[in-house]
Amino acid sequence: MANLNDIRHVNQAASARDAGGTPLVIAHGLFGSARNWGAIAKRLSDDRDVIAVDMRNHGDSPHAAPHDYPAMAQDLAEVAQRHGGKIDLLGHSMGGKAAMYLALTQPELINSLIVADIAPVAYDHSHAGHIDVMRKLDLTGVTRRSEADKRLAVHLDDPALRAFLLQSLALDADGPRWKLALATLDQNMPAIVGWPQVEGLFNGPALFIAGGASDYQPPSSEADILSLFPAARFERIGGAGHWVHAEQPRAFVDVVQRFLAE
């Protein structure tokens, strides 16, 4: 079990009166980190504490095998127990699948569930190519992300994707290094893009948010979602792709706040 690193955004008003609502835990997607969610977490901490975690094999959390949804869900269960034993849980992409698995297997820990742009199904794509590029990238002498970006641009045309990946590049006294367990993620890619067989239902409140331009959570996936999350409701945010929270942060926060307020 990995003792996940978490970044806590404290509800100052609630802390001052030693009271507050159910904490919200945020689980990021593949190649992400807790810091990617800093601005969103801060805005959502107006009336509750928000804890953004580094998932295993990402950020400052331990590198550990396996990297599958039962293991990631158990990591999140430990975070829930560390922060009071009952949480609201928001997960994006890979983090969304881990959140769903936890809600189905340990529903007593989850007050409400929010899943961003992912469904409880297996996908036929792979991110192994991105891992291969990162593993083979020559980082010799790199002291700035701009230098790494130039080298990465030879292999990846998309500047937004390069900027996202480079957030996981550490530039410290020991030299540049990826804060990702790339070999472990590569070995476990089938599990990451897949969806394990799991029994159970989560009957609590659940919100599934999709990017209007994304194909990760198409309307056709709603039947699969409702079979496991009977109380699920659906929101689609226009002008956003898979990284809906980064591309339309205001709309994303508004949707989440309305749901949590209910």
C-alpha atoms as a PDB file:
ATOM      1  CA  MET A   1       0.000   0.000   0.000  1.00  0.00           C
ATOM      2  CA  ALA A   2       1.300   3.442  -0.926  1.00  0.00           C
ATOM      3  CA  ASN A   3       1.079   6.252   1.614  1.00  0.00           C
ATOM      4  CA  LEU A   4      -0.019   8.908  -0.861  1.00  0.00           C
ATOM      5  CA  ASN A   5       1.364  12.416  -0.693  1.00  0.00           C
ATOM      6  CA  ASP A   6      -1.452  14.921  -0.359  1.00  0.00           C
ATOM      7  CA  ILE A   7      -1.748  18.691  -0.590  1.00  0.00           C
ATOM      8  CA  ARG A   8      -4.427  20.042   1.717  1.00  0.00           C
ATOM      9  CA  HIS A   9      -6.281  23.241   0.885  1.00  0.00           C
ATOM     10  CA  VAL A  10      -7.779  24.332   4.188  1.00  0.00           C
ATOM     11  CA  ASN A  11     -11.150  25.990   4.572  1.00  0.00           C
ATOM     12  CA  GLN A  12      -9.940  28.850   6.766  1.00  0.00           C
ATOM     13  CA  ALA A  13     -13.405  29.890   7.975  1.00  0.00           C
ATOM     14  CA  ALA A  14     -14.331  26.367   9.012  1.00  0.00           C
ATOM     15  CA  SER A  15     -10.948  25.787  10.636  1.00  0.00           C
ATOM     16  CA  ALA A  16     -11.328  28.946  12.678  1.00  0.00           C
ATOM     17  CA  ARG A  17     -14.514  27.634  14.241  1.00  0.00           C
ATOM     18  CA  ASP A  18     -13.219  24.047  14.360  1.00  0.00           C
ATOM     19  CA  ALA A  19     -15.989  22.874  12.086  1.00  0.00           C
ATOM     20  CA  GLY A  20     -16.495  22.133   8.430  1.00  0.00           C
ATOM     21  CA  GLY A  21     -18.188  19.936   5.894  1.00  0.00           C
ATOM     22  CA  THR A  22     -17.124  16.607   4.493  1.00  0.00           C
ATOM     23  CA  PRO A  23     -13.621  16.898   3.022  1.00  0.00           C
ATOM     24  CA  LEU A  24     -13.250  16.616  -0.733  1.00  0.00           C
ATOM     25  CA  VAL A  25     -10.455  14.388  -2.069  1.00  0.00           C
ATOM     26  CA  ILE A  26      -9.232  14.866  -5.652  1.00  0.00           C
ATOM     27  CA  ALA A  27      -7.549  12.048  -7.605  1.00  0.00           C
ATOM     28  CA  HIS A  28      -5.760  13.134 -10.796  1.00  0.00           C
ATOM     29  CA  GLY A  29      -5.349  11.270 -14.062  1.00  0.00           C
ATOM     30  CA  LEU A  30      -2.417   9.518 -15.741  1.00  0.00           C
ATOM     31  CA  PHE A  31       0.806  11.595 -15.810  1.00  0.00           C
ATOM     32  CA  GLY A  32      -0.849  14.217 -13.568  1.00  0.00           C
ATOM     33  CA  SER A  33      -0.212  15.343 -10.005  1.00  0.00           C
ATOM     34  CA  ALA A  34      -1.898  17.023  -7.061  1.00  0.00           C
ATOM     35  CA  ARG A  35      -0.307  20.334  -8.069  1.00  0.00           C
ATOM     36  CA  ASN A  36      -2.119  20.234 -11.422  1.00  0.00           C
ATOM     37  CA  TRP A  37      -5.325  20.662  -9.419  1.00  0.00           C
ATOM     38  CA  GLY A  38      -4.128  23.476  -7.155  1.00  0.00           C
ATOM     39  CA  ALA A  39      -6.271  26.279  -8.607  1.00  0.00           C
ATOM     40  CA  ILE A  40      -9.393  24.084  -8.762  1.00  0.00           C
ATOM     41  CA  ALA A  41      -8.840  22.796  -5.226  1.00  0.00           C
ATOM     42  CA  LYS A  42      -8.405  26.303  -3.865  1.00  0.00           C
ATOM     43  CA  ARG A  43     -11.692  27.467  -5.408  1.00  0.00           C
ATOM     44  CA  LEU A  44     -13.533  24.423  -4.082  1.00  0.00           C
ATOM     45  CA  SER A  45     -12.214  24.988  -0.527  1.00  0.00           C
ATOM     46  CA  ASP A  46     -14.581  27.878   0.215  1.00  0.00           C
ATOM     47  CA  ASP A  47     -16.775  25.700   2.411  1.00  0.00           C
ATOM     48  CA  ARG A  48     -14.740  22.545   3.021  1.00  0.00           C
ATOM     49  CA  ASP A  49     -11.197  21.221   3.202  1.00  0.00           C
ATOM     50  CA  VAL A  50      -9.931  19.891  -0.129  1.00  0.00           C
ATOM     51  CA  ILE A  51      -7.181  17.292  -0.333  1.00  0.00           C
ATOM     52  CA  ALA A  52      -5.505  16.769  -3.718  1.00  0.00           C
ATOM     53  CA  VAL A  53      -3.374  13.619  -3.786  1.00  0.00           C
ATOM     54  CA  ASP A  54      -0.457  12.396  -5.853  1.00  0.00           C
ATOM     55  CA  MET A  55      -1.534   8.960  -7.034  1.00  0.00           C
ATOM     56  CA  ARG A  56       0.965   6.105  -6.649  1.00  0.00           C
ATOM     57  CA  ASN A  57       3.842   6.280  -9.142  1.00  0.00           C
ATOM     58  CA  HIS A  58       3.186  10.011  -9.653  1.00  0.00           C
ATOM     59  CA  GLY A  59       4.450  13.213  -8.074  1.00  0.00           C
ATOM     60  CA  ASP A  60       5.850  12.807  -4.569  1.00  0.00           C
ATOM     61  CA  SER A  61       3.973   9.594  -3.767  1.00  0.00           C
ATOM     62  CA  PRO A  62       5.793   6.251  -3.500  1.00  0.00           C
ATOM     63  CA  HIS A  63       6.612   4.203  -6.563  1.00  0.00           C
ATOM     64  CA  ALA A  64       4.870   0.893  -6.050  1.00  0.00           C
ATOM     65  CA  ALA A  65       3.539  -2.044  -8.033  1.00  0.00           C
ATOM     66  CA  PRO A  66       0.989  -3.009  -9.085  1.00  0.00           C
ATOM     67  CA  HIS A  67      -0.527   0.044 -10.708  1.00  0.00           C
ATOM     68  CA  ASP A  68      -4.093  -1.179 -11.034  1.00  0.00           C
ATOM     69  CA  TYR A  69      -7.476  -0.001  -9.812  1.00  0.00           C
ATOM     70  CA  PRO A  70      -7.803  -2.249  -6.743  1.00  0.00           C
ATOM     71  CA  ALA A  71      -4.433  -0.942  -5.505  1.00  0.00           C
ATOM     72  CA  MET A  72      -5.193   2.692  -6.340  1.00  0.00           C
ATOM     73  CA  ALA A  73      -8.623   2.441  -4.712  1.00  0.00           C
ATOM     74  CA  GLN A  74      -7.066   1.076  -1.527  1.00  0.00           C
ATOM     75  CA  ASP A  75      -4.619   4.006  -1.526  1.00  0.00           C
ATOM     76  CA  LEU A  76      -7.591   6.372  -1.680  1.00  0.00           C
ATOM     77  CA  ALA A  77      -9.327   4.421   1.105  1.00  0.00           C
ATOM     78  CA  GLU A  78      -6.324   5.114   3.334  1.00  0.00           C
ATOM     79  CA  VAL A  79      -6.551   8.814   2.481  1.00  0.00           C
ATOM     80  CA  ALA A  80     -10.247   8.765   3.425  1.00  0.00           C
ATOM     81  CA  GLN A  81      -9.502   7.107   6.744  1.00  0.00           C
ATOM     82  CA  ARG A  82      -6.713   9.607   7.391  1.00  0.00           C
ATOM     83  CA  HIS A  83      -9.119  12.500   6.885  1.00  0.00           C
ATOM     84  CA  GLY A  84     -12.112  11.448   8.939  1.00  0.00           C
ATOM     85  CA  GLY A  85     -13.340   8.234   7.345  1.00  0.00           C
ATOM     86  CA  LYS A  86     -15.995   9.762   5.089  1.00  0.00           C
ATOM     87  CA  ILE A  87     -15.195  11.876   2.033  1.00  0.00           C
ATOM     88  CA  ASP A  88     -16.572  13.368  -1.116  1.00  0.00           C
ATOM     89  CA  LEU A  89     -14.391  12.018  -3.921  1.00  0.00           C
ATOM     90  CA  LEU A  90     -13.581  13.607  -7.281  1.00  0.00           C
ATOM     91  CA  GLY A  91     -11.515  11.710  -9.837  1.00  0.00           C
ATOM     92  CA  HIS A  92     -10.426  12.551 -13.364  1.00  0.00           C
ATOM     93  CA  SER A  93      -9.641   9.909 -15.993  1.00  0.00           C
ATOM     94  CA  MET A  94      -7.422   7.265 -14.309  1.00  0.00           C
ATOM     95  CA  GLY A  95      -8.246   8.871 -10.956  1.00  0.00           C
ATOM     96  CA  GLY A  96     -11.922   8.672 -11.891  1.00  0.00           C
ATOM     97  CA  LYS A  97     -11.681   4.925 -12.440  1.00  0.00           C
ATOM     98  CA  ALA A  98      -9.911   4.509  -9.098  1.00  0.00           C
ATOM     99  CA  ALA A  99     -12.636   6.609  -7.462  1.00  0.00           C
ATOM    100  CA  MET A 100     -15.380   4.500  -9.050  1.00  0.00           C
ATOM    101  CA  TYR A 101     -13.721   1.275  -7.933  1.00  0.00           C
ATOM    102  CA  LEU A 102     -13.484   2.540  -4.353  1.00  0.00           C
ATOM    103  CA  ALA A 103     -17.124   3.669  -4.362  1.00  0.00           C
ATOM    104  CA  LEU A 104     -18.227   0.229  -5.575  1.00  0.00           C
ATOM    105  CA  THR A 105     -16.096  -1.784  -3.150  1.00  0.00           C
ATOM    106  CA  GLN A 106     -16.091   0.421  -0.025  1.00  0.00           C
ATOM    107  CA  PRO A 107     -19.172   2.645  -0.402  1.00  0.00           C
ATOM    108  CA  GLU A 108     -19.250   3.398   3.319  1.00  0.00           C
ATOM    109  CA  LEU A 109     -16.247   5.703   2.811  1.00  0.00           C
ATOM    110  CA  ILE A 110     -17.872   7.822   0.116  1.00  0.00           C
ATOM    111  CA  ASN A 111     -20.456  10.511   0.761  1.00  0.00           C
ATOM    112  CA  SER A 112     -20.716  11.520  -2.884  1.00  0.00           C
ATOM    113  CA  LEU A 113     -18.793  10.758  -6.062  1.00  0.00           C
ATOM    114  CA  ILE A 114     -17.729  13.012  -8.939  1.00  0.00           C
ATOM    115  CA  VAL A 115     -16.141  11.470 -12.035  1.00  0.00           C
ATOM    116  CA  ALA A 116     -14.585  13.660 -14.725  1.00  0.00           C
ATOM    117  CA  ASP A 117     -14.509  12.417 -18.325  1.00  0.00           C
ATOM    118  CA  ILE A 118     -14.166   8.675 -17.912  1.00  0.00           C
ATOM    119  CA  ALA A 119     -16.517   5.689 -17.811  1.00  0.00           C
ATOM    120  CA  PRO A 120     -16.317   2.253 -16.128  1.00  0.00           C
ATOM    121  CA  VAL A 121     -15.295   0.538 -19.369  1.00  0.00           C
ATOM    122  CA  ALA A 122     -12.097  -0.628 -21.064  1.00  0.00           C
ATOM    123  CA  TYR A 123     -10.594   1.632 -23.718  1.00  0.00           C
ATOM    124  CA  ASP A 124      -8.648   0.525 -26.765  1.00  0.00           C
ATOM    125  CA  HIS A 125      -6.058   3.313 -26.779  1.00  0.00           C
ATOM    126  CA  SER A 126      -2.667   3.278 -25.038  1.00  0.00           C
ATOM    127  CA  HIS A 127      -0.341   5.924 -23.649  1.00  0.00           C
ATOM    128  CA  ALA A 128       2.703   3.683 -23.989  1.00  0.00           C
ATOM    129  CA  GLY A 129       4.018   5.902 -26.796  1.00  0.00           C
ATOM    130  CA  HIS A 130       4.194   8.902 -24.487  1.00  0.00           C
ATOM    131  CA  ILE A 131       6.008   6.811 -21.886  1.00  0.00           C
ATOM    132  CA  ASP A 132       8.489   5.670 -24.505  1.00  0.00           C
ATOM    133  CA  VAL A 133       9.212   9.276 -25.511  1.00  0.00           C
ATOM    134  CA  MET A 134       9.781  10.319 -21.884  1.00  0.00           C
ATOM    135  CA  ARG A 135      12.005   7.331 -21.144  1.00  0.00           C
ATOM    136  CA  LYS A 136      14.193   7.963 -24.179  1.00  0.00           C
ATOM    137  CA  LEU A 137      14.373  11.755 -23.918  1.00  0.00           C
ATOM    138  CA  ASP A 138      17.947  12.945 -23.405  1.00  0.00           C
ATOM    139  CA  LEU A 139      17.882  15.149 -20.298  1.00  0.00           C
ATOM    140  CA  THR A 140      21.645  15.608 -20.081  1.00  0.00           C
ATOM    141  CA  GLY A 141      22.456  19.158 -19.061  1.00  0.00           C
ATOM    142  CA  VAL A 142      18.815  20.273 -18.867  1.00  0.00           C
ATOM    143  CA  THR A 143      18.363  22.982 -16.231  1.00  0.00           C
ATOM    144  CA  ARG A 144      15.138  24.617 -17.451  1.00  0.00           C
ATOM    145  CA  ARG A 145      11.817  23.270 -18.642  1.00  0.00           C
ATOM    146  CA  SER A 146      12.135  25.403 -21.777  1.00  0.00           C
ATOM    147  CA  GLU A 147      15.217  23.369 -22.724  1.00  0.00           C
ATOM    148  CA  ALA A 148      13.393  20.106 -22.115  1.00  0.00           C
ATOM    149  CA  ASP A 149      10.450  21.393 -24.131  1.00  0.00           C
ATOM    150  CA  LYS A 150      12.665  21.997 -27.174  1.00  0.00           C
ATOM    151  CA  ARG A 151      13.934  18.435 -27.018  1.00  0.00           C
ATOM    152  CA  LEU A 152      10.472  17.032 -26.426  1.00  0.00           C
ATOM    153  CA  ALA A 153       9.060  19.011 -29.378  1.00  0.00           C
ATOM    154  CA  VAL A 154      11.094  16.806 -31.743  1.00  0.00           C
ATOM    155  CA  HIS A 155       8.834  13.921 -30.731  1.00  0.00           C
ATOM    156  CA  LEU A 156       5.551  15.610 -29.705  1.00  0.00           C
ATOM    157  CA  ASP A 157       3.930  18.367 -31.765  1.00  0.00           C
ATOM    158  CA  ASP A 158       1.252  19.342 -29.248  1.00  0.00           C
ATOM    159  CA  PRO A 159       2.571  22.171 -26.998  1.00  0.00           C
ATOM    160  CA  ALA A 160      -0.239  21.684 -24.455  1.00  0.00           C
ATOM    161  CA  LEU A 161       0.607  17.994 -24.092  1.00  0.00           C
ATOM    162  CA  ARG A 162       4.314  18.804 -23.732  1.00  0.00           C
ATOM    163  CA  ALA A 163       3.555  21.405 -21.045  1.00  0.00           C
ATOM    164  CA  PHE A 164       1.393  18.897 -19.178  1.00  0.00           C
ATOM    165  CA  LEU A 165       4.044  16.151 -19.254  1.00  0.00           C
ATOM    166  CA  LEU A 166       6.816  18.543 -18.268  1.00  0.00           C
ATOM    167  CA  GLN A 167       5.004  19.402 -15.045  1.00  0.00           C
ATOM    168  CA  SER A 168       6.237  15.983 -13.892  1.00  0.00           C
ATOM    169  CA  LEU A 169       9.874  16.801 -14.669  1.00  0.00           C
ATOM    170  CA  ALA A 170      11.856  17.596 -11.521  1.00  0.00           C
ATOM    171  CA  LEU A 171      14.808  19.948 -11.857  1.00  0.00           C
ATOM    172  CA  ASP A 172      16.792  19.651  -8.639  1.00  0.00           C
ATOM    173  CA  ALA A 173      20.338  19.381  -7.362  1.00  0.00           C
ATOM    174  CA  ASP A 174      20.566  15.727  -8.383  1.00  0.00           C
ATOM    175  CA  GLY A 175      19.795  16.581 -12.002  1.00  0.00           C
ATOM    176  CA  PRO A 176      16.616  16.349 -14.086  1.00  0.00           C
ATOM    177  CA  ARG A 177      14.354  13.357 -13.535  1.00  0.00           C
ATOM    178  CA  TRP A 178      10.794  12.321 -14.212  1.00  0.00           C
ATOM    179  CA  LYS A 179       8.614  12.157 -11.087  1.00  0.00           C
ATOM    180  CA  LEU A 180       6.794   9.250 -12.698  1.00  0.00           C
ATOM    181  CA  ALA A 181       7.539   5.531 -12.346  1.00  0.00           C
ATOM    182  CA  LEU A 182       7.645   5.188 -16.115  1.00  0.00           C
ATOM    183  CA  ALA A 183       8.631   1.520 -16.229  1.00  0.00           C
ATOM    184  CA  THR A 184       5.844   0.540 -13.811  1.00  0.00           C
ATOM    185  CA  LEU A 185       3.261   2.604 -15.690  1.00  0.00           C
ATOM    186  CA  ASP A 186       4.364   1.027 -18.974  1.00  0.00           C
ATOM    187  CA  GLN A 187       4.098  -2.504 -17.587  1.00  0.00           C
ATOM    188  CA  ASN A 188       0.638  -1.792 -16.178  1.00  0.00           C
ATOM    189  CA  MET A 189      -0.799   0.073 -19.186  1.00  0.00           C
ATOM    190  CA  PRO A 190      -3.337  -2.693 -19.977  1.00  0.00           C
ATOM    191  CA  ALA A 191      -4.727  -2.349 -16.435  1.00  0.00           C
ATOM    192  CA  ILE A 192      -4.759   1.457 -16.656  1.00  0.00           C
ATOM    193  CA  VAL A 193      -6.786   1.622 -19.884  1.00  0.00           C
ATOM    194  CA  GLY A 194      -8.859  -1.396 -18.842  1.00  0.00           C
ATOM    195  CA  TRP A 195     -11.581  -1.828 -16.252  1.00  0.00           C
ATOM    196  CA  PRO A 196     -11.546  -4.736 -13.774  1.00  0.00           C
ATOM    197  CA  GLN A 197     -14.454  -7.016 -13.079  1.00  0.00           C
ATOM    198  CA  VAL A 198     -16.052  -5.708  -9.922  1.00  0.00           C
ATOM    199  CA  GLU A 199     -19.235  -6.504  -8.044  1.00  0.00           C
ATOM    200  CA  GLY A 200     -21.263  -3.955  -6.166  1.00  0.00           C
ATOM    201  CA  LEU A 201     -23.370  -0.836  -6.545  1.00  0.00           C
ATOM    202  CA  PHE A 202     -22.901   2.696  -5.343  1.00  0.00           C
ATOM    203  CA  ASN A 203     -26.334   4.095  -4.587  1.00  0.00           C
ATOM    204  CA  GLY A 204     -25.136   7.446  -3.295  1.00  0.00           C
ATOM    205  CA  PRO A 205     -25.094  10.745  -5.183  1.00  0.00           C
ATOM    206  CA  ALA A 206     -22.858  10.580  -8.248  1.00  0.00           C
ATOM    207  CA  LEU A 207     -22.055  13.174 -10.885  1.00  0.00           C
ATOM    208  CA  PHE A 208     -20.398  12.304 -14.193  1.00  0.00           C
ATOM    209  CA  ILE A 209     -18.913  15.307 -16.020  1.00  0.00           C
ATOM    210  CA  ALA A 210     -17.823  15.021 -19.647  1.00  0.00           C
ATOM    211  CA  GLY A 211     -16.053  17.378 -21.986  1.00  0.00           C
ATOM    212  CA  GLY A 212     -18.298  18.253 -24.901  1.00  0.00           C
ATOM    213  CA  ALA A 213     -15.509  17.588 -27.407  1.00  0.00           C
ATOM    214  CA  SER A 214     -14.249  14.427 -25.685  1.00  0.00           C
ATOM    215  CA  ASP A 215     -15.047  10.840 -26.649  1.00  0.00           C
ATOM    216  CA  TYR A 216     -14.028   9.334 -23.293  1.00  0.00           C
ATOM    217  CA  GLN A 217     -17.550   9.503 -21.832  1.00  0.00           C
ATOM    218  CA  PRO A 218     -19.961   9.406 -24.790  1.00  0.00           C
ATOM    219  CA  PRO A 219     -23.735   9.312 -24.236  1.00  0.00           C
ATOM    220  CA  SER A 220     -23.593   5.603 -25.121  1.00  0.00           C
ATOM    221  CA  SER A 221     -21.642   4.976 -21.900  1.00  0.00           C
ATOM    222  CA  GLU A 222     -24.496   6.190 -19.693  1.00  0.00           C
ATOM    223  CA  ALA A 223     -26.106   2.738 -19.553  1.00  0.00           C
ATOM    224  CA  ASP A 224     -22.857   1.210 -18.252  1.00  0.00           C
ATOM    225  CA  ILE A 225     -22.586   3.977 -15.672  1.00  0.00           C
ATOM    226  CA  LEU A 226     -26.175   3.685 -14.473  1.00  0.00           C
ATOM    227  CA  SER A 227     -25.836  -0.085 -14.071  1.00  0.00           C
ATOM    228  CA  LEU A 228     -23.251   0.549 -11.338  1.00  0.00           C
ATOM    229  CA  PHE A 229     -24.264   4.022 -10.131  1.00  0.00           C
ATOM    230  CA  PRO A 230     -28.084   4.112 -10.258  1.00  0.00           C
ATOM    231  CA  ALA A 231     -28.323   7.673  -8.881  1.00  0.00           C
ATOM    232  CA  ALA A 232     -25.846   9.089 -11.394  1.00  0.00           C
ATOM    233  CA  ARG A 233     -26.559  12.370 -13.124  1.00  0.00           C
ATOM    234  CA  PHE A 234     -24.719  13.707 -16.142  1.00  0.00           C
ATOM    235  CA  GLU A 235     -23.247  17.059 -17.161  1.00  0.00           C
ATOM    236  CA  ARG A 236     -21.500  17.877 -20.435  1.00  0.00           C
ATOM    237  CA  ILE A 237     -19.352  21.015 -20.604  1.00  0.00           C
ATOM    238  CA  GLY A 238     -19.028  22.586 -24.029  1.00  0.00           C
ATOM    239  CA  GLY A 239     -15.732  23.858 -25.368  1.00  0.00           C
ATOM    240  CA  ALA A 240     -13.711  21.244 -23.494  1.00  0.00           C
ATOM    241  CA  GLY A 241     -11.995  17.992 -24.322  1.00  0.00           C
ATOM    242  CA  HIS A 242     -10.693  15.287 -22.009  1.00  0.00           C
ATOM    243  CA  TRP A 243      -8.976  17.787 -19.666  1.00  0.00           C
ATOM    244  CA  VAL A 244     -12.314  19.440 -18.995  1.00  0.00           C
ATOM    245  CA  HIS A 245     -11.215  20.928 -15.649  1.00  0.00           C
ATOM    246  CA  ALA A 246      -8.202  22.635 -17.244  1.00  0.00           C
ATOM    247  CA  GLU A 247      -9.934  23.787 -20.435  1.00  0.00           C
ATOM    248  CA  GLN A 248     -13.116  25.132 -18.813  1.00  0.00           C
ATOM    249  CA  PRO A 249     -12.176  25.604 -15.135  1.00  0.00           C
ATOM    250  CA  ARG A 250     -14.910  28.119 -14.298  1.00  0.00           C
ATOM    251  CA  ALA A 251     -17.690  25.966 -15.704  1.00  0.00           C
ATOM    252  CA  PHE A 252     -16.186  22.868 -14.098  1.00  0.00           C
ATOM    253  CA  VAL A 253     -16.009  24.451 -10.642  1.00  0.00           C
ATOM    254  CA  ASP A 254     -19.565  25.785 -10.957  1.00  0.00           C
ATOM    255  CA  VAL A 255     -20.932  22.334 -11.819  1.00  0.00           C
ATOM    256  CA  VAL A 256     -19.044  20.674  -8.951  1.00  0.00           C
ATOM    257  CA  GLN A 257     -20.057  23.325  -6.413  1.00  0.00           C
ATOM    258  CA  ARG A 258     -23.737  23.055  -7.348  1.00  0.00           C
ATOM    259  CA  PHE A 259     -23.626  19.289  -6.968  1.00  0.00           C
ATOM    260  CA  LEU A 260     -21.829  19.367  -3.605  1.00  0.00           C
ATOM    261  CA  ALA A 261     -24.185  22.060  -2.294  1.00  0.00           C
ATOM    262  CA  GLU A 262     -27.133  19.711  -2.816  1.00  0.00           C
END
